[in-house]
Amino acid sequence: GTHVFLSIAQLKKCTTWVHLKDSQLVSDPKNESNVASQVWMALTKVLPIEQNRKLMDAALENLFPVKGIATSYMYHHIAETLFETQQLS
């Protein structure tokens, strides 16, 4: 596979582009948000479970119904994340 190596400066620049705002992962400078970003953040368990729940609560409120996903591949990740964060049981 292909490996991507980032310098410390590149990593710092990336972290200034992406941040949590109102419990959602957004990217600067437009404060854009999408369901895939929320799902990947929750699935990787970067945040504590309670913050992942808040993240997916905000995603459910602001980004559902899901639109614009070109493949069915992402839908199972969305469902998995909703189960893991106890949005669905």
C-alpha atoms as a PDB file:
ATOM      1  CA  GLY A   1       0.000   0.000   0.000  1.00  0.00           C
ATOM      2  CA  THR A   2       0.853   3.630  -0.139  1.00  0.00           C
ATOM      3  CA  HIS A   3       2.271   5.266   2.972  1.00  0.00           C
ATOM      4  CA  VAL A   4       1.772   8.919   3.716  1.00  0.00           C
ATOM      5  CA  PHE A   5       4.295  10.680   5.889  1.00  0.00           C
ATOM      6  CA  LEU A   6       3.577  14.106   7.320  1.00  0.00           C
ATOM      7  CA  SER A   7       6.005  16.454   8.965  1.00  0.00           C
ATOM      8  CA  ILE A   8       5.245  17.932  12.385  1.00  0.00           C
ATOM      9  CA  ALA A   9       4.525  21.263  10.670  1.00  0.00           C
ATOM     10  CA  GLN A  10       2.028  19.581   8.324  1.00  0.00           C
ATOM     11  CA  LEU A  11       0.327  17.828  11.244  1.00  0.00           C
ATOM     12  CA  LYS A  12       0.034  21.103  13.157  1.00  0.00           C
ATOM     13  CA  LYS A  13      -1.486  22.748  10.089  1.00  0.00           C
ATOM     14  CA  CYS A  14      -4.036  19.898   9.777  1.00  0.00           C
ATOM     15  CA  THR A  15      -5.069  20.224  13.404  1.00  0.00           C
ATOM     16  CA  THR A  16      -5.799  23.907  12.939  1.00  0.00           C
ATOM     17  CA  TRP A  17      -8.101  23.063  10.029  1.00  0.00           C
ATOM     18  CA  VAL A  18     -10.268  20.625  11.945  1.00  0.00           C
ATOM     19  CA  HIS A  19     -11.881  21.236  15.317  1.00  0.00           C
ATOM     20  CA  LEU A  20     -15.002  20.547  17.341  1.00  0.00           C
ATOM     21  CA  LYS A  21     -17.705  23.207  17.257  1.00  0.00           C
ATOM     22  CA  ASP A  22     -21.048  22.651  18.979  1.00  0.00           C
ATOM     23  CA  SER A  23     -20.141  18.951  19.391  1.00  0.00           C
ATOM     24  CA  GLN A  24     -19.490  18.552  15.648  1.00  0.00           C
ATOM     25  CA  LEU A  25     -16.234  18.046  13.791  1.00  0.00           C
ATOM     26  CA  VAL A  26     -15.837  20.979  11.397  1.00  0.00           C
ATOM     27  CA  SER A  27     -13.135  22.112   9.013  1.00  0.00           C
ATOM     28  CA  ASP A  28     -11.860  25.648   8.649  1.00  0.00           C
ATOM     29  CA  PRO A  29     -12.166  28.163   7.170  1.00  0.00           C
ATOM     30  CA  LYS A  30     -15.800  27.487   6.213  1.00  0.00           C
ATOM     31  CA  ASN A  31     -16.815  25.475   9.292  1.00  0.00           C
ATOM     32  CA  GLU A  32     -18.031  22.705   6.995  1.00  0.00           C
ATOM     33  CA  SER A  33     -19.305  19.460   8.434  1.00  0.00           C
ATOM     34  CA  ASN A  34     -20.331  16.149   6.914  1.00  0.00           C
ATOM     35  CA  VAL A  35     -21.582  12.842   8.213  1.00  0.00           C
ATOM     36  CA  ALA A  36     -18.502  10.913   7.034  1.00  0.00           C
ATOM     37  CA  SER A  37     -16.183  13.068   9.167  1.00  0.00           C
ATOM     38  CA  GLN A  38     -18.374  12.535  12.216  1.00  0.00           C
ATOM     39  CA  VAL A  39     -18.490   8.778  11.614  1.00  0.00           C
ATOM     40  CA  TRP A  40     -14.736   8.399  11.125  1.00  0.00           C
ATOM     41  CA  MET A  41     -14.021  10.435  14.259  1.00  0.00           C
ATOM     42  CA  ALA A  42     -16.384   8.280  16.341  1.00  0.00           C
ATOM     43  CA  LEU A  43     -15.206   4.966  14.874  1.00  0.00           C
ATOM     44  CA  THR A  44     -11.551   5.714  15.535  1.00  0.00           C
ATOM     45  CA  LYS A  45     -12.424   6.427  19.177  1.00  0.00           C
ATOM     46  CA  VAL A  46     -10.210   9.499  19.269  1.00  0.00           C
ATOM     47  CA  LEU A  47     -12.687  11.075  21.680  1.00  0.00           C
ATOM     48  CA  PRO A  48     -14.103   9.601  24.888  1.00  0.00           C
ATOM     49  CA  ILE A  49     -17.381   7.668  24.425  1.00  0.00           C
ATOM     50  CA  GLU A  50     -19.521  10.447  25.928  1.00  0.00           C
ATOM     51  CA  GLN A  51     -18.081  12.990  23.496  1.00  0.00           C
ATOM     52  CA  ASN A  52     -18.623  10.516  20.642  1.00  0.00           C
ATOM     53  CA  ARG A  53     -22.276  10.297  21.712  1.00  0.00           C
ATOM     54  CA  LYS A  54     -22.553  14.091  21.643  1.00  0.00           C
ATOM     55  CA  LEU A  55     -20.831  14.126  18.258  1.00  0.00           C
ATOM     56  CA  MET A  56     -23.347  11.668  16.822  1.00  0.00           C
ATOM     57  CA  ASP A  57     -26.276  13.398  18.573  1.00  0.00           C
ATOM     58  CA  ALA A  58     -25.290  16.585  16.775  1.00  0.00           C
ATOM     59  CA  ALA A  59     -24.825  14.673  13.519  1.00  0.00           C
ATOM     60  CA  LEU A  60     -28.310  13.152  13.817  1.00  0.00           C
ATOM     61  CA  GLU A  61     -29.797  16.551  14.471  1.00  0.00           C
ATOM     62  CA  ASN A  62     -27.922  18.467  11.778  1.00  0.00           C
ATOM     63  CA  LEU A  63     -26.873  16.016   9.051  1.00  0.00           C
ATOM     64  CA  PHE A  64     -29.754  13.536   8.780  1.00  0.00           C
ATOM     65  CA  PRO A  65     -31.332  12.387   6.593  1.00  0.00           C
ATOM     66  CA  VAL A  66     -28.038  11.527   4.927  1.00  0.00           C
ATOM     67  CA  LYS A  67     -27.698  12.807   1.371  1.00  0.00           C
ATOM     68  CA  GLY A  68     -24.999  12.813  -1.251  1.00  0.00           C
ATOM     69  CA  ILE A  69     -23.228   9.566  -0.433  1.00  0.00           C
ATOM     70  CA  ALA A  70     -22.218   8.052  -3.748  1.00  0.00           C
ATOM     71  CA  THR A  71     -21.713   4.466  -2.568  1.00  0.00           C
ATOM     72  CA  SER A  72     -23.441   2.137  -0.148  1.00  0.00           C
ATOM     73  CA  TYR A  73     -20.071   1.497   1.511  1.00  0.00           C
ATOM     74  CA  MET A  74     -20.464   4.452   3.882  1.00  0.00           C
ATOM     75  CA  TYR A  75     -23.957   3.495   5.057  1.00  0.00           C
ATOM     76  CA  HIS A  76     -22.775   0.488   7.057  1.00  0.00           C
ATOM     77  CA  HIS A  77     -20.192   2.689   8.796  1.00  0.00           C
ATOM     78  CA  ILE A  78     -22.941   5.153   9.695  1.00  0.00           C
ATOM     79  CA  ALA A  79     -25.103   2.354  11.121  1.00  0.00           C
ATOM     80  CA  GLU A  80     -22.147   0.840  13.005  1.00  0.00           C
ATOM     81  CA  THR A  81     -21.316   4.211  14.537  1.00  0.00           C
ATOM     82  CA  LEU A  82     -24.911   4.805  15.597  1.00  0.00           C
ATOM     83  CA  PHE A  83     -24.951   1.419  17.331  1.00  0.00           C
ATOM     84  CA  GLU A  84     -21.540   1.942  18.961  1.00  0.00           C
ATOM     85  CA  THR A  85     -22.517   5.357  20.313  1.00  0.00           C
ATOM     86  CA  GLN A  86     -25.861   3.939  21.463  1.00  0.00           C
ATOM     87  CA  GLN A  87     -27.940   6.087  19.141  1.00  0.00           C
ATOM     88  CA  LEU A  88     -29.599   2.870  17.925  1.00  0.00           C
ATOM     89  CA  SER A  89     -30.219  -0.220  20.010  1.00  0.00           C
END
